[in-house]
N, C-alpha and C. Protein backbone atom coordinates (compact mmCIF):
# COMPACT_ATOMS: atom_id res chain seq x y z
N MET A 1 17.84 0.75 -14.35
CA MET A 1 16.39 0.62 -14.59
C MET A 1 16.19 2.05 -14.90
N ASP A 2 15.41 2.36 -16.04
CA ASP A 2 14.80 3.78 -16.16
C ASP A 2 13.76 3.97 -15.59
N MET A 3 13.18 5.25 -15.65
CA MET A 3 11.96 5.71 -14.93
C MET A 3 10.76 4.99 -15.58
N LYS A 4 10.79 4.84 -16.76
CA LYS A 4 9.54 4.23 -17.48
C LYS A 4 9.41 2.67 -16.81
N ASN A 5 10.65 1.99 -16.91
CA ASN A 5 10.54 0.61 -16.38
C ASN A 5 10.16 0.58 -14.81
N GLU A 6 10.66 1.47 -14.07
CA GLU A 6 10.32 1.45 -12.70
C GLU A 6 8.80 1.58 -12.45
N ALA A 7 8.14 2.46 -13.20
CA ALA A 7 6.76 2.90 -13.10
C ALA A 7 5.95 1.62 -13.56
N ILE A 8 6.52 0.65 -14.41
CA ILE A 8 5.65 -0.31 -14.88
C ILE A 8 5.84 -1.50 -13.81
N ASN A 9 6.91 -1.41 -12.98
CA ASN A 9 7.10 -2.21 -11.81
C ASN A 9 6.38 -1.84 -10.58
N GLU A 10 5.54 -0.66 -10.68
CA GLU A 10 4.96 -0.34 -9.36
C GLU A 10 3.41 -0.83 -9.56
N TYR A 11 3.04 -0.88 -7.93
CA TYR A 11 1.80 -1.62 -7.72
C TYR A 11 0.91 -0.42 -6.96
N LEU A 12 -0.03 0.00 -7.57
CA LEU A 12 -1.13 1.18 -7.10
C LEU A 12 -2.41 0.43 -6.22
N VAL A 13 -2.69 0.81 -5.25
CA VAL A 13 -3.77 0.21 -4.54
C VAL A 13 -4.25 1.40 -3.60
N LYS A 14 -5.68 1.78 -3.72
CA LYS A 14 -6.39 2.57 -2.80
C LYS A 14 -7.14 2.06 -1.61
N ASP A 15 -7.20 0.60 -1.56
CA ASP A 15 -7.71 -0.07 -0.34
C ASP A 15 -6.72 -0.10 0.68
N LEU A 16 -7.19 0.52 1.91
CA LEU A 16 -6.26 0.59 3.04
C LEU A 16 -6.07 -0.76 3.63
N GLY A 17 -7.08 -1.84 3.60
CA GLY A 17 -6.71 -3.12 4.19
C GLY A 17 -5.54 -3.63 3.32
N GLU A 18 -5.81 -3.78 2.04
CA GLU A 18 -4.85 -4.67 1.20
C GLU A 18 -3.49 -3.72 1.47
N ALA A 19 -3.52 -2.45 1.41
CA ALA A 19 -2.09 -1.86 1.41
C ALA A 19 -1.39 -1.94 2.81
N SER A 20 -2.32 -2.15 3.74
CA SER A 20 -1.66 -2.70 5.03
C SER A 20 -1.16 -3.93 4.96
N ALA A 21 -1.79 -4.95 4.34
CA ALA A 21 -1.35 -6.27 4.36
C ALA A 21 -0.06 -6.42 3.51
N LEU A 22 -0.09 -5.49 2.53
CA LEU A 22 1.18 -5.53 1.67
C LEU A 22 2.26 -4.93 2.37
N LEU A 23 2.18 -3.99 3.27
CA LEU A 23 3.19 -3.56 4.11
C LEU A 23 3.56 -4.31 5.19
N ALA A 24 2.78 -4.95 5.89
CA ALA A 24 3.01 -6.00 6.79
C ALA A 24 3.70 -7.23 6.17
N LYS A 25 3.69 -7.51 5.00
CA LYS A 25 4.35 -8.58 4.58
C LYS A 25 5.52 -8.02 3.67
N SER A 26 6.02 -6.89 4.12
CA SER A 26 7.51 -6.36 3.83
C SER A 26 7.32 -5.86 2.27
N ALA A 27 6.16 -5.34 1.66
CA ALA A 27 6.25 -4.90 0.34
C ALA A 27 6.67 -3.50 0.70
N LYS A 28 7.58 -2.86 -0.35
CA LYS A 28 8.15 -1.39 -0.03
C LYS A 28 7.12 -0.31 -0.61
N LEU A 29 6.62 0.55 0.52
CA LEU A 29 6.06 1.62 0.07
C LEU A 29 6.90 2.68 -0.43
N LEU A 30 6.60 3.06 -1.79
CA LEU A 30 7.18 4.39 -2.37
C LEU A 30 6.75 5.50 -2.03
N ARG A 31 5.56 5.88 -2.19
CA ARG A 31 4.90 7.01 -2.03
C ARG A 31 3.32 7.00 -1.94
N LEU A 32 2.80 7.96 -1.51
CA LEU A 32 1.21 8.22 -1.69
C LEU A 32 1.09 9.27 -3.09
N GLN A 33 0.30 8.78 -3.94
CA GLN A 33 -0.04 9.51 -5.04
C GLN A 33 -1.53 9.96 -4.91
N LYS A 34 -1.81 11.41 -4.86
CA LYS A 34 -2.98 11.87 -4.78
C LYS A 34 -3.69 11.89 -6.19
N GLU A 35 -4.72 11.64 -6.20
CA GLU A 35 -5.93 11.69 -7.36
C GLU A 35 -7.20 12.13 -6.82
N ASN A 36 -7.58 13.47 -7.23
CA ASN A 36 -8.85 14.01 -6.98
C ASN A 36 -9.03 13.94 -5.33
N ALA A 37 -10.05 13.26 -4.82
CA ALA A 37 -10.22 13.30 -3.35
C ALA A 37 -9.49 12.32 -2.56
N PHE A 38 -8.86 11.33 -3.35
CA PHE A 38 -8.24 10.10 -2.67
C PHE A 38 -6.96 10.07 -2.87
N PHE A 39 -6.12 9.28 -2.18
CA PHE A 39 -4.72 8.68 -2.56
C PHE A 39 -4.52 7.48 -2.92
N TRP A 40 -3.75 7.04 -3.85
CA TRP A 40 -3.14 5.88 -4.10
C TRP A 40 -1.94 5.45 -3.26
N PHE A 41 -1.83 4.32 -2.62
CA PHE A 41 -0.53 3.69 -2.19
C PHE A 41 0.20 2.97 -3.29
N VAL A 42 1.27 3.48 -3.33
CA VAL A 42 2.24 3.25 -4.30
C VAL A 42 3.30 2.38 -3.89
N PHE A 43 3.52 1.05 -4.15
CA PHE A 43 4.35 0.14 -3.85
C PHE A 43 5.44 -0.23 -4.92
N SER A 44 6.49 -0.82 -4.52
CA SER A 44 7.54 -1.50 -5.81
C SER A 44 7.17 -2.94 -5.65
N ASN A 45 7.73 -3.53 -6.84
CA ASN A 45 7.73 -4.92 -6.92
C ASN A 45 6.29 -5.47 -7.41
N LYS A 46 5.88 -5.06 -8.36
CA LYS A 46 4.35 -5.27 -8.78
C LYS A 46 4.00 -6.90 -8.67
N GLN A 47 5.08 -7.73 -9.16
CA GLN A 47 4.93 -9.28 -8.92
C GLN A 47 4.45 -9.68 -7.67
N LEU A 48 5.25 -9.19 -6.70
CA LEU A 48 5.31 -9.73 -5.37
C LEU A 48 3.87 -9.19 -4.68
N CYS A 49 3.59 -7.84 -4.95
CA CYS A 49 2.49 -7.07 -4.48
C CYS A 49 1.16 -7.90 -5.01
N GLU A 50 1.20 -8.33 -6.18
CA GLU A 50 0.08 -9.09 -6.91
C GLU A 50 -0.12 -10.39 -6.20
N GLU A 51 1.02 -11.17 -5.93
CA GLU A 51 0.81 -12.44 -5.27
C GLU A 51 0.31 -12.30 -3.93
N ILE A 52 0.68 -11.24 -3.06
CA ILE A 52 0.19 -10.82 -1.75
C ILE A 52 -1.16 -10.43 -1.92
N ALA A 53 -1.56 -9.44 -2.70
CA ALA A 53 -2.96 -9.14 -3.07
C ALA A 53 -3.99 -10.08 -3.19
N GLU A 54 -3.37 -11.25 -4.18
CA GLU A 54 -4.34 -12.28 -4.43
C GLU A 54 -4.79 -13.14 -3.20
N LYS A 55 -3.63 -13.51 -2.45
CA LYS A 55 -4.07 -14.24 -1.26
C LYS A 55 -4.92 -13.38 -0.09
N TYR A 56 -4.67 -12.07 -0.17
CA TYR A 56 -5.32 -11.29 0.74
C TYR A 56 -7.02 -11.37 0.44
N TRP A 57 -7.18 -11.16 -0.82
CA TRP A 57 -8.51 -11.03 -1.43
C TRP A 57 -9.24 -12.27 -1.24
N PHE A 58 -8.52 -13.36 -1.32
CA PHE A 58 -9.01 -14.76 -1.29
C PHE A 58 -8.89 -15.34 0.09
N GLY A 59 -8.66 -14.69 0.92
CA GLY A 59 -8.76 -14.99 2.39
C GLY A 59 -7.49 -15.97 2.81
N GLU A 60 -6.50 -16.11 2.01
CA GLU A 60 -5.46 -17.19 2.23
C GLU A 60 -4.33 -16.40 2.74
N LEU A 61 -4.16 -15.28 3.16
CA LEU A 61 -2.98 -14.73 3.51
C LEU A 61 -2.80 -14.74 4.86
N LEU A 62 -1.79 -15.36 5.43
CA LEU A 62 -1.40 -15.51 6.85
C LEU A 62 -0.61 -14.34 7.20
N ILE A 63 -0.97 -13.79 8.17
CA ILE A 63 -0.14 -12.34 8.60
C ILE A 63 -0.52 -12.39 10.01
N ASN A 64 0.42 -11.59 10.71
CA ASN A 64 0.77 -11.45 11.96
C ASN A 64 -0.25 -10.31 12.48
N ALA A 65 -1.31 -10.54 13.12
CA ALA A 65 -2.14 -9.39 13.43
C ALA A 65 -1.57 -8.21 14.00
N LYS A 66 -0.44 -8.31 14.81
CA LYS A 66 0.19 -7.01 15.36
C LYS A 66 0.66 -6.13 14.23
N SER A 67 1.34 -6.97 13.35
CA SER A 67 2.10 -6.19 12.23
C SER A 67 1.06 -5.61 11.14
N TYR A 68 0.05 -6.41 11.25
CA TYR A 68 -0.92 -5.66 10.07
C TYR A 68 -1.61 -4.40 10.77
N TYR A 69 -1.87 -4.61 12.20
CA TYR A 69 -2.36 -3.44 12.84
C TYR A 69 -1.57 -2.23 12.83
N GLU A 70 0.00 -2.39 13.05
CA GLU A 70 0.83 -1.39 12.90
C GLU A 70 0.96 -0.83 11.42
N SER A 71 1.12 -1.84 10.42
CA SER A 71 1.09 -1.24 9.08
C SER A 71 -0.25 -0.41 8.79
N MET A 72 -1.36 -0.73 9.37
CA MET A 72 -2.60 0.04 9.01
C MET A 72 -2.31 1.56 9.79
N ARG A 73 -1.96 1.55 11.01
CA ARG A 73 -1.53 2.74 11.83
C ARG A 73 -0.76 3.55 10.98
N THR A 74 0.35 3.12 10.50
CA THR A 74 1.56 3.75 9.57
C THR A 74 0.65 4.43 8.39
N LEU A 75 -0.01 3.73 7.83
CA LEU A 75 -0.45 4.25 6.51
C LEU A 75 -1.65 5.24 6.70
N LYS A 76 -2.35 5.19 7.96
CA LYS A 76 -3.28 6.18 8.38
C LYS A 76 -2.60 7.33 8.80
N ASP A 77 -1.35 7.33 9.42
CA ASP A 77 -0.49 8.42 9.75
C ASP A 77 -0.06 9.09 8.43
N ARG A 78 0.44 8.19 7.56
CA ARG A 78 0.74 8.97 6.27
C ARG A 78 -0.28 9.76 5.67
N LEU A 79 -1.66 9.11 5.53
CA LEU A 79 -2.79 9.94 4.91
C LEU A 79 -2.92 11.20 5.62
N PHE A 80 -3.09 11.07 6.88
CA PHE A 80 -3.30 12.15 7.71
C PHE A 80 -2.56 13.27 7.47
N MET A 81 -1.17 13.15 7.42
CA MET A 81 -0.33 13.96 7.07
C MET A 81 -0.28 14.70 5.77
N ASN A 82 -0.90 14.04 4.89
CA ASN A 82 -1.32 14.57 3.59
C ASN A 82 -2.49 15.39 3.36
N LYS A 83 -3.51 15.36 4.14
CA LYS A 83 -4.82 15.95 4.02
C LYS A 83 -4.58 17.31 4.75
N PRO A 84 -5.21 18.31 4.17
CA PRO A 84 -5.15 19.64 4.62
C PRO A 84 -6.08 19.50 5.94
N ASN A 85 -5.84 20.42 6.83
CA ASN A 85 -6.61 20.66 8.00
C ASN A 85 -7.94 21.19 7.80
N ARG A 86 -8.93 20.68 8.41
CA ARG A 86 -10.32 21.15 8.11
C ARG A 86 -10.88 21.57 9.48
N ILE A 87 -11.56 22.66 9.58
CA ILE A 87 -12.18 23.31 10.67
C ILE A 87 -13.55 23.09 10.82
């Protein structure tokens, strides 16, 4: 698969709750992508992510609460690692 096709198969989201749900449901986080003052969470397998996201937004996603919390902590840690220190 070439780079163009890989980018087409990526799923970008900036909502922490949705990204946490994706990660908790085993979607693969590829990277954080900075845009101005915020970051996009970039996942692989766009089709899978869209299916999970749809269930998440319609309140139909069943998820283990502990896994969701741990995923959110992981993403917050990644965000804070990427932000410059402010005094």
